[in-house]
Amino acid sequence: MATLEDTVDSTSAPVRGRPSALRGQGPAVAVVAVGGAIGAVARYAAGLGWETGQSAFPWTTLLINVVGCAVIGVFLVAITEGRPAHPLLRPFFGTGVLGGFTTFSTSAVDIRRLLEAGRLGPGLAYLGLTLVGALGAVWAAAVLTRRLIHRGGAR
């Protein structure tokens, strides 16, 4: 009969002949972590620069998310249709920096806070503005960047 220790030991050891899931991913994980820290500090600084009170409409979070989405639109078009980029640039900047900068989880908390305070109109407006603003920012930034890149003959 197998004991708990046998089960834990047998599942924690890598299967012979199969590479570890993280093998070769160390550099990507490291640049995502560093980028995420940079993005989170930038988001925090933006929040300090434009503080929003508990009962106020969360303009700062909305602006951070829309700006971050616009930047990802520019970035992804630039690295896929513009000049070739280092393989670690996308995880560093796209996943790390912009993932740490944008804060859609805070948007969900803000919406909940508005709804719990009985502010249905502002809560729904914020939800709509976040969705439309974020998706619109990615789309508009990507379209404009694509036009600039192709007008300049980068590809």
N, C-alpha and C. Protein backbone atom coordinates (compact mmCIF):
# COMPACT_ATOMS: atom_id res chain seq x y z
N MET A 1 0.85 -1.17 0.00
CA MET A 1 0.00 0.00 0.00
C MET A 1 0.90 1.23 0.00
N ALA A 2 0.58 2.21 -0.88
CA ALA A 2 1.36 3.44 -1.00
C ALA A 2 0.97 4.40 0.11
N THR A 3 1.98 5.06 0.62
CA THR A 3 1.74 6.07 1.65
C THR A 3 1.66 7.44 0.98
N LEU A 4 1.26 8.45 1.74
CA LEU A 4 1.19 9.81 1.23
C LEU A 4 2.57 10.25 0.74
N GLU A 5 3.61 9.88 1.48
CA GLU A 5 4.96 10.27 1.10
C GLU A 5 5.34 9.65 -0.24
N ASP A 6 4.96 8.40 -0.48
CA ASP A 6 5.26 7.75 -1.76
C ASP A 6 4.57 8.49 -2.90
N THR A 7 3.34 8.90 -2.71
CA THR A 7 2.60 9.60 -3.75
C THR A 7 3.24 10.94 -4.04
N VAL A 8 3.57 11.70 -3.01
CA VAL A 8 4.18 13.00 -3.19
C VAL A 8 5.53 12.85 -3.87
N ASP A 9 6.35 11.89 -3.40
CA ASP A 9 7.66 11.70 -4.00
C ASP A 9 7.56 11.28 -5.45
N SER A 10 6.62 10.43 -5.79
CA SER A 10 6.55 9.95 -7.16
C SER A 10 6.03 11.02 -8.11
N THR A 11 5.19 11.94 -7.65
CA THR A 11 4.67 12.96 -8.54
C THR A 11 5.57 14.17 -8.63
N SER A 12 6.46 14.36 -7.66
CA SER A 12 7.31 15.53 -7.71
C SER A 12 8.56 15.31 -8.56
N ALA A 13 8.92 14.08 -8.80
CA ALA A 13 10.10 13.80 -9.62
C ALA A 13 9.74 13.88 -11.09
N PRO A 14 10.61 14.49 -11.92
CA PRO A 14 10.31 14.56 -13.35
C PRO A 14 10.31 13.17 -13.97
N VAL A 15 9.47 13.00 -14.95
CA VAL A 15 9.38 11.72 -15.65
C VAL A 15 10.63 11.58 -16.50
N ARG A 16 11.26 10.43 -16.42
CA ARG A 16 12.48 10.19 -17.16
C ARG A 16 12.21 10.31 -18.66
N GLY A 17 13.05 11.06 -19.34
CA GLY A 17 12.91 11.23 -20.78
C GLY A 17 12.06 12.42 -21.18
N ARG A 18 11.34 13.01 -20.23
CA ARG A 18 10.52 14.18 -20.54
C ARG A 18 11.19 15.41 -19.93
N PRO A 19 11.40 16.47 -20.73
CA PRO A 19 12.06 17.66 -20.18
C PRO A 19 11.15 18.39 -19.20
N SER A 20 11.76 19.09 -18.28
CA SER A 20 11.02 19.89 -17.33
C SER A 20 10.21 20.95 -18.07
N ALA A 21 9.03 21.28 -17.55
CA ALA A 21 8.17 22.27 -18.20
C ALA A 21 8.84 23.64 -18.25
N LEU A 22 9.71 23.93 -17.29
CA LEU A 22 10.38 25.23 -17.27
C LEU A 22 11.75 25.23 -17.92
N ARG A 23 12.19 24.08 -18.40
CA ARG A 23 13.52 24.01 -19.00
C ARG A 23 13.62 24.99 -20.16
N GLY A 24 14.61 25.82 -20.12
CA GLY A 24 14.83 26.80 -21.16
C GLY A 24 13.97 28.05 -21.03
N GLN A 25 13.09 28.09 -20.05
CA GLN A 25 12.19 29.24 -19.88
C GLN A 25 12.72 30.26 -18.87
N GLY A 26 13.84 29.97 -18.26
CA GLY A 26 14.39 30.86 -17.24
C GLY A 26 14.54 32.30 -17.70
N PRO A 27 15.15 32.56 -18.85
CA PRO A 27 15.29 33.94 -19.29
C PRO A 27 13.94 34.63 -19.50
N ALA A 28 12.96 33.94 -20.07
CA ALA A 28 11.64 34.55 -20.29
C ALA A 28 10.96 34.85 -18.97
N VAL A 29 11.03 33.91 -18.03
CA VAL A 29 10.41 34.12 -16.72
C VAL A 29 11.09 35.31 -16.03
N ALA A 30 12.40 35.41 -16.15
CA ALA A 30 13.13 36.51 -15.50
C ALA A 30 12.74 37.86 -16.10
N VAL A 31 12.66 37.96 -17.43
CA VAL A 31 12.33 39.25 -18.03
C VAL A 31 10.87 39.63 -17.78
N VAL A 32 9.97 38.65 -17.70
CA VAL A 32 8.58 38.96 -17.35
C VAL A 32 8.52 39.50 -15.92
N ALA A 33 9.27 38.89 -15.01
CA ALA A 33 9.27 39.35 -13.62
C ALA A 33 9.82 40.77 -13.50
N VAL A 34 10.93 41.04 -14.17
CA VAL A 34 11.52 42.38 -14.12
C VAL A 34 10.58 43.39 -14.78
N GLY A 35 10.04 43.04 -15.94
CA GLY A 35 9.11 43.93 -16.61
C GLY A 35 7.86 44.18 -15.79
N GLY A 36 7.35 43.13 -15.15
CA GLY A 36 6.16 43.27 -14.31
C GLY A 36 6.41 44.22 -13.15
N ALA A 37 7.59 44.14 -12.57
CA ALA A 37 7.92 45.05 -11.47
C ALA A 37 7.96 46.49 -11.97
N ILE A 38 8.55 46.70 -13.13
CA ILE A 38 8.62 48.05 -13.70
C ILE A 38 7.21 48.58 -13.99
N GLY A 39 6.38 47.76 -14.60
CA GLY A 39 5.01 48.17 -14.92
C GLY A 39 4.19 48.47 -13.69
N ALA A 40 4.35 47.64 -12.66
CA ALA A 40 3.60 47.86 -11.43
C ALA A 40 4.03 49.14 -10.74
N VAL A 41 5.32 49.44 -10.75
CA VAL A 41 5.81 50.69 -10.15
C VAL A 41 5.27 51.89 -10.95
N ALA A 42 5.25 51.77 -12.27
CA ALA A 42 4.72 52.86 -13.10
C ALA A 42 3.23 53.07 -12.81
N ARG A 43 2.49 52.00 -12.67
CA ARG A 43 1.06 52.11 -12.34
C ARG A 43 0.88 52.76 -10.97
N TYR A 44 1.67 52.35 -10.00
CA TYR A 44 1.58 52.92 -8.67
C TYR A 44 1.89 54.41 -8.70
N ALA A 45 2.92 54.78 -9.46
CA ALA A 45 3.29 56.20 -9.58
C ALA A 45 2.17 56.99 -10.23
N ALA A 46 1.52 56.43 -11.24
CA ALA A 46 0.40 57.11 -11.88
C ALA A 46 -0.73 57.31 -10.88
N GLY A 47 -0.97 56.32 -10.05
CA GLY A 47 -2.00 56.43 -9.02
C GLY A 47 -1.68 57.49 -7.99
N LEU A 48 -0.40 57.64 -7.66
CA LEU A 48 -0.01 58.69 -6.73
C LEU A 48 -0.12 60.07 -7.37
N GLY A 49 0.18 60.12 -8.66
CA GLY A 49 0.12 61.39 -9.37
C GLY A 49 -1.29 61.89 -9.60
N TRP A 50 -2.24 60.97 -9.71
CA TRP A 50 -3.63 61.35 -9.94
C TRP A 50 -4.49 60.45 -9.05
N GLU A 51 -4.54 60.80 -7.79
CA GLU A 51 -5.27 59.99 -6.82
C GLU A 51 -6.78 60.12 -7.03
N THR A 52 -7.46 59.01 -6.85
CA THR A 52 -8.91 58.96 -6.95
C THR A 52 -9.46 58.51 -5.60
N GLY A 53 -10.35 59.30 -5.04
CA GLY A 53 -10.93 58.97 -3.74
C GLY A 53 -11.83 57.74 -3.83
N GLN A 54 -12.11 57.16 -2.68
CA GLN A 54 -12.92 55.94 -2.60
C GLN A 54 -14.30 56.12 -3.23
N SER A 55 -14.89 57.29 -3.08
CA SER A 55 -16.25 57.48 -3.59
C SER A 55 -16.25 58.10 -4.99
N ALA A 56 -15.09 58.42 -5.52
CA ALA A 56 -15.01 59.08 -6.82
C ALA A 56 -15.02 58.06 -7.96
N PHE A 57 -15.32 58.54 -9.15
CA PHE A 57 -15.26 57.71 -10.34
C PHE A 57 -13.79 57.34 -10.56
N PRO A 58 -13.46 56.09 -10.86
CA PRO A 58 -12.06 55.64 -10.96
C PRO A 58 -11.38 56.02 -12.29
N TRP A 59 -11.25 57.33 -12.51
CA TRP A 59 -10.65 57.82 -13.76
C TRP A 59 -9.20 57.34 -13.93
N THR A 60 -8.44 57.29 -12.86
CA THR A 60 -7.03 56.90 -12.97
C THR A 60 -6.89 55.49 -13.50
N THR A 61 -7.63 54.57 -12.95
CA THR A 61 -7.56 53.17 -13.41
C THR A 61 -8.02 53.07 -14.86
N LEU A 62 -9.07 53.78 -15.20
CA LEU A 62 -9.56 53.77 -16.58
C LEU A 62 -8.49 54.29 -17.53
N LEU A 63 -7.87 55.40 -17.19
CA LEU A 63 -6.83 55.98 -18.04
C LEU A 63 -5.63 55.04 -18.17
N ILE A 64 -5.21 54.47 -17.05
CA ILE A 64 -4.08 53.53 -17.09
C ILE A 64 -4.38 52.37 -18.03
N ASN A 65 -5.56 51.80 -17.94
CA ASN A 65 -5.90 50.66 -18.78
C ASN A 65 -6.01 51.04 -20.25
N VAL A 66 -6.60 52.18 -20.54
CA VAL A 66 -6.73 52.61 -21.94
C VAL A 66 -5.35 52.93 -22.53
N VAL A 67 -4.53 53.64 -21.79
CA VAL A 67 -3.18 53.95 -22.26
C VAL A 67 -2.37 52.67 -22.46
N GLY A 68 -2.43 51.75 -21.50
CA GLY A 68 -1.71 50.48 -21.63
C GLY A 68 -2.15 49.70 -22.84
N CYS A 69 -3.44 49.71 -23.13
CA CYS A 69 -3.96 49.00 -24.30
C CYS A 69 -3.50 49.66 -25.59
N ALA A 70 -3.46 50.98 -25.61
CA ALA A 70 -2.95 51.68 -26.80
C ALA A 70 -1.49 51.33 -27.04
N VAL A 71 -0.73 51.31 -25.97
CA VAL A 71 0.70 50.98 -26.11
C VAL A 71 0.87 49.55 -26.61
N ILE A 72 0.07 48.61 -26.13
CA ILE A 72 0.20 47.22 -26.61
C ILE A 72 -0.17 47.14 -28.09
N GLY A 73 -1.15 47.96 -28.54
CA GLY A 73 -1.48 47.98 -29.96
C GLY A 73 -0.32 48.45 -30.80
N VAL A 74 0.35 49.51 -30.37
CA VAL A 74 1.53 50.02 -31.08
C VAL A 74 2.64 48.98 -31.04
N PHE A 75 2.90 48.45 -29.86
CA PHE A 75 4.01 47.53 -29.67
C PHE A 75 3.87 46.27 -30.51
N LEU A 76 2.72 45.64 -30.48
CA LEU A 76 2.57 44.38 -31.21
C LEU A 76 2.66 44.56 -32.71
N VAL A 77 2.11 45.64 -33.23
CA VAL A 77 2.25 45.89 -34.67
C VAL A 77 3.71 46.20 -35.00
N ALA A 78 4.36 46.99 -34.17
CA ALA A 78 5.76 47.35 -34.43
C ALA A 78 6.67 46.13 -34.45
N ILE A 79 6.45 45.17 -33.54
CA ILE A 79 7.37 44.03 -33.52
C ILE A 79 6.97 42.92 -34.48
N THR A 80 5.73 42.92 -34.96
CA THR A 80 5.33 41.88 -35.91
C THR A 80 5.38 42.36 -37.36
N GLU A 81 5.19 43.64 -37.59
CA GLU A 81 5.18 44.15 -38.95
C GLU A 81 6.29 45.15 -39.21
N GLY A 82 6.98 45.55 -38.18
CA GLY A 82 8.08 46.51 -38.31
C GLY A 82 9.41 45.79 -38.29
N ARG A 83 10.29 46.31 -37.54
CA ARG A 83 11.62 45.72 -37.44
C ARG A 83 11.61 44.49 -36.55
N PRO A 84 12.45 43.52 -36.86
CA PRO A 84 12.55 42.33 -36.00
C PRO A 84 13.02 42.75 -34.60
N ALA A 85 12.50 42.07 -33.61
CA ALA A 85 12.84 42.39 -32.22
C ALA A 85 13.52 41.19 -31.57
N HIS A 86 14.27 41.47 -30.53
CA HIS A 86 14.89 40.42 -29.73
C HIS A 86 13.79 39.51 -29.19
N PRO A 87 14.01 38.19 -29.14
CA PRO A 87 12.97 37.27 -28.68
C PRO A 87 12.47 37.52 -27.26
N LEU A 88 13.26 38.17 -26.43
CA LEU A 88 12.82 38.43 -25.05
C LEU A 88 12.11 39.77 -24.90
N LEU A 89 12.05 40.57 -25.97
CA LEU A 89 11.39 41.87 -25.87
C LEU A 89 9.89 41.72 -25.64
N ARG A 90 9.27 40.80 -26.36
CA ARG A 90 7.81 40.62 -26.21
C ARG A 90 7.43 40.18 -24.80
N PRO A 91 8.08 39.16 -24.22
CA PRO A 91 7.72 38.81 -22.84
C PRO A 91 8.08 39.91 -21.84
N PHE A 92 9.20 40.60 -22.07
CA PHE A 92 9.59 41.66 -21.14
C PHE A 92 8.59 42.81 -21.18
N PHE A 93 8.36 43.36 -22.36
CA PHE A 93 7.54 44.56 -22.44
C PHE A 93 6.05 44.25 -22.54
N GLY A 94 5.68 43.34 -23.43
CA GLY A 94 4.26 43.04 -23.63
C GLY A 94 3.62 42.37 -22.44
N THR A 95 4.24 41.32 -21.96
CA THR A 95 3.68 40.58 -20.82
C THR A 95 4.06 41.22 -19.49
N GLY A 96 5.34 41.55 -19.34
CA GLY A 96 5.82 42.07 -18.06
C GLY A 96 5.42 43.51 -17.80
N VAL A 97 5.99 44.44 -18.56
CA VAL A 97 5.75 45.86 -18.29
C VAL A 97 4.27 46.21 -18.46
N LEU A 98 3.69 45.88 -19.61
CA LEU A 98 2.30 46.27 -19.84
C LEU A 98 1.33 45.44 -19.00
N GLY A 99 1.67 44.19 -18.72
CA GLY A 99 0.83 43.38 -17.83
C GLY A 99 0.86 43.92 -16.41
N GLY A 100 2.01 44.42 -15.99
CA GLY A 100 2.12 45.02 -14.66
C GLY A 100 1.51 46.41 -14.60
N PHE A 101 1.53 47.12 -15.72
CA PHE A 101 1.00 48.48 -15.75
C PHE A 101 -0.52 48.50 -15.80
N THR A 102 -1.09 47.72 -16.70
CA THR A 102 -2.55 47.69 -16.79
C THR A 102 -3.10 46.95 -15.58
N THR A 103 -4.33 47.26 -15.23
CA THR A 103 -4.85 46.74 -13.98
C THR A 103 -6.33 46.45 -14.09
N PHE A 104 -6.64 45.44 -14.90
CA PHE A 104 -8.04 45.10 -15.10
C PHE A 104 -8.66 44.45 -13.85
N SER A 105 -7.85 43.86 -13.02
CA SER A 105 -8.40 43.32 -11.77
C SER A 105 -8.86 44.46 -10.87
N THR A 106 -8.15 45.58 -10.89
CA THR A 106 -8.58 46.74 -10.12
C THR A 106 -9.88 47.30 -10.70
N SER A 107 -10.04 47.22 -12.01
CA SER A 107 -11.31 47.66 -12.63
C SER A 107 -12.47 46.86 -12.07
N ALA A 108 -12.29 45.56 -11.94
CA ALA A 108 -13.36 44.72 -11.39
C ALA A 108 -13.68 45.12 -9.95
N VAL A 109 -12.65 45.40 -9.17
CA VAL A 109 -12.86 45.83 -7.79
C VAL A 109 -13.57 47.19 -7.76
N ASP A 110 -13.16 48.09 -8.65
CA ASP A 110 -13.79 49.41 -8.72
C ASP A 110 -15.26 49.31 -9.09
N ILE A 111 -15.58 48.44 -10.05
CA ILE A 111 -16.97 48.25 -10.45
C ILE A 111 -17.78 47.72 -9.27
N ARG A 112 -17.23 46.74 -8.60
CA ARG A 112 -17.92 46.18 -7.44
C ARG A 112 -18.14 47.24 -6.36
N ARG A 113 -17.13 48.03 -6.11
CA ARG A 113 -17.21 49.10 -5.11
C ARG A 113 -18.31 50.09 -5.47
N LEU A 114 -18.38 50.48 -6.73
CA LEU A 114 -19.42 51.42 -7.16
C LEU A 114 -20.81 50.80 -7.01
N LEU A 115 -20.94 49.54 -7.40
CA LEU A 115 -22.24 48.89 -7.29
C LEU A 115 -22.66 48.70 -5.84
N GLU A 116 -21.73 48.32 -4.98
CA GLU A 116 -22.05 48.14 -3.55
C GLU A 116 -22.42 49.46 -2.88
N ALA A 117 -21.92 50.56 -3.44
CA ALA A 117 -22.25 51.88 -2.89
C ALA A 117 -23.57 52.39 -3.46
N GLY A 118 -24.24 51.56 -4.26
CA GLY A 118 -25.52 51.95 -4.83
C GLY A 118 -25.39 52.87 -6.04
N ARG A 119 -24.21 52.91 -6.63
CA ARG A 119 -23.97 53.79 -7.78
C ARG A 119 -24.01 52.96 -9.06
N LEU A 120 -25.19 52.47 -9.40
CA LEU A 120 -25.37 51.60 -10.56
C LEU A 120 -24.97 52.30 -11.85
N GLY A 121 -25.42 53.52 -12.05
CA GLY A 121 -25.11 54.26 -13.28
C GLY A 121 -23.62 54.43 -13.50
N PRO A 122 -22.90 54.99 -12.51
CA PRO A 122 -21.45 55.11 -12.68
C PRO A 122 -20.74 53.76 -12.82
N GLY A 123 -21.23 52.75 -12.10
CA GLY A 123 -20.61 51.41 -12.21
C GLY A 123 -20.75 50.84 -13.61
N LEU A 124 -21.95 50.94 -14.18
CA LEU A 124 -22.17 50.44 -15.54
C LEU A 124 -21.44 51.29 -16.57
N ALA A 125 -21.41 52.60 -16.35
CA ALA A 125 -20.67 53.48 -17.26
C ALA A 125 -19.18 53.14 -17.25
N TYR A 126 -18.66 52.89 -16.05
CA TYR A 126 -17.25 52.54 -15.92
C TYR A 126 -16.96 51.21 -16.62
N LEU A 127 -17.83 50.24 -16.44
CA LEU A 127 -17.66 48.96 -17.12
C LEU A 127 -17.65 49.16 -18.63
N GLY A 128 -18.61 49.90 -19.15
CA GLY A 128 -18.68 50.14 -20.59
C GLY A 128 -17.49 50.92 -21.11
N LEU A 129 -17.11 51.98 -20.38
CA LEU A 129 -15.96 52.78 -20.81
C LEU A 129 -14.67 51.96 -20.79
N THR A 130 -14.53 51.09 -19.81
CA THR A 130 -13.33 50.26 -19.74
C THR A 130 -13.26 49.32 -20.94
N LEU A 131 -14.37 48.63 -21.23
CA LEU A 131 -14.37 47.70 -22.36
C LEU A 131 -14.18 48.40 -23.69
N VAL A 132 -14.99 49.42 -23.94
CA VAL A 132 -14.91 50.15 -25.21
C VAL A 132 -13.58 50.89 -25.33
N GLY A 133 -13.16 51.53 -24.24
CA GLY A 133 -11.91 52.28 -24.27
C GLY A 133 -10.70 51.39 -24.50
N ALA A 134 -10.64 50.27 -23.80
CA ALA A 134 -9.49 49.37 -23.94
C ALA A 134 -9.44 48.74 -25.33
N LEU A 135 -10.55 48.19 -25.77
CA LEU A 135 -10.56 47.56 -27.10
C LEU A 135 -10.37 48.60 -28.20
N GLY A 136 -11.01 49.76 -28.05
CA GLY A 136 -10.85 50.83 -29.04
C GLY A 136 -9.42 51.34 -29.09
N ALA A 137 -8.77 51.44 -27.94
CA ALA A 137 -7.39 51.92 -27.91
C ALA A 137 -6.45 50.95 -28.61
N VAL A 138 -6.61 49.66 -28.37
CA VAL A 138 -5.77 48.67 -29.06
C VAL A 138 -5.98 48.77 -30.56
N TRP A 139 -7.24 48.79 -30.97
CA TRP A 139 -7.57 48.82 -32.39
C TRP A 139 -7.02 50.09 -33.06
N ALA A 140 -7.32 51.25 -32.49
CA ALA A 140 -6.89 52.51 -33.09
C ALA A 140 -5.37 52.62 -33.15
N ALA A 141 -4.71 52.25 -32.07
CA ALA A 141 -3.25 52.33 -32.05
C ALA A 141 -2.64 51.36 -33.06
N ALA A 142 -3.21 50.17 -33.18
CA ALA A 142 -2.69 49.20 -34.15
C ALA A 142 -2.88 49.70 -35.58
N VAL A 143 -4.06 50.24 -35.88
CA VAL A 143 -4.33 50.76 -37.23
C VAL A 143 -3.38 51.90 -37.56
N LEU A 144 -3.24 52.85 -36.66
CA LEU A 144 -2.35 53.99 -36.91
C LEU A 144 -0.89 53.56 -37.05
N THR A 145 -0.47 52.66 -36.19
CA THR A 145 0.91 52.18 -36.27
C THR A 145 1.16 51.45 -37.58
N ARG A 146 0.21 50.62 -37.98
CA ARG A 146 0.32 49.88 -39.24
C ARG A 146 0.45 50.86 -40.40
N ARG A 147 -0.36 51.90 -40.41
CA ARG A 147 -0.28 52.91 -41.49
C ARG A 147 1.07 53.60 -41.49
N LEU A 148 1.57 53.96 -40.33
CA LEU A 148 2.87 54.62 -40.25
C LEU A 148 4.00 53.71 -40.71
N ILE A 149 3.95 52.47 -40.31
CA ILE A 149 5.00 51.52 -40.69
C ILE A 149 5.00 51.29 -42.20
N HIS A 150 3.85 51.07 -42.77
CA HIS A 150 3.77 50.76 -44.19
C HIS A 150 4.00 52.01 -45.06
N ARG A 151 3.66 53.18 -44.55
CA ARG A 151 3.92 54.42 -45.27
C ARG A 151 5.42 54.67 -45.32
N GLY A 152 6.11 54.33 -44.24
CA GLY A 152 7.55 54.54 -44.16
C GLY A 152 8.35 53.47 -44.88
N GLY A 153 7.70 52.43 -45.39
CA GLY A 153 8.39 51.39 -46.12
C GLY A 153 9.24 50.49 -45.25
N ALA A 154 8.85 50.33 -43.99
CA ALA A 154 9.63 49.50 -43.07
C ALA A 154 9.58 48.04 -43.45
N ARG A 155 8.58 47.67 -44.28
CA ARG A 155 8.49 46.26 -44.63
C ARG A 155 8.09 46.06 -46.04
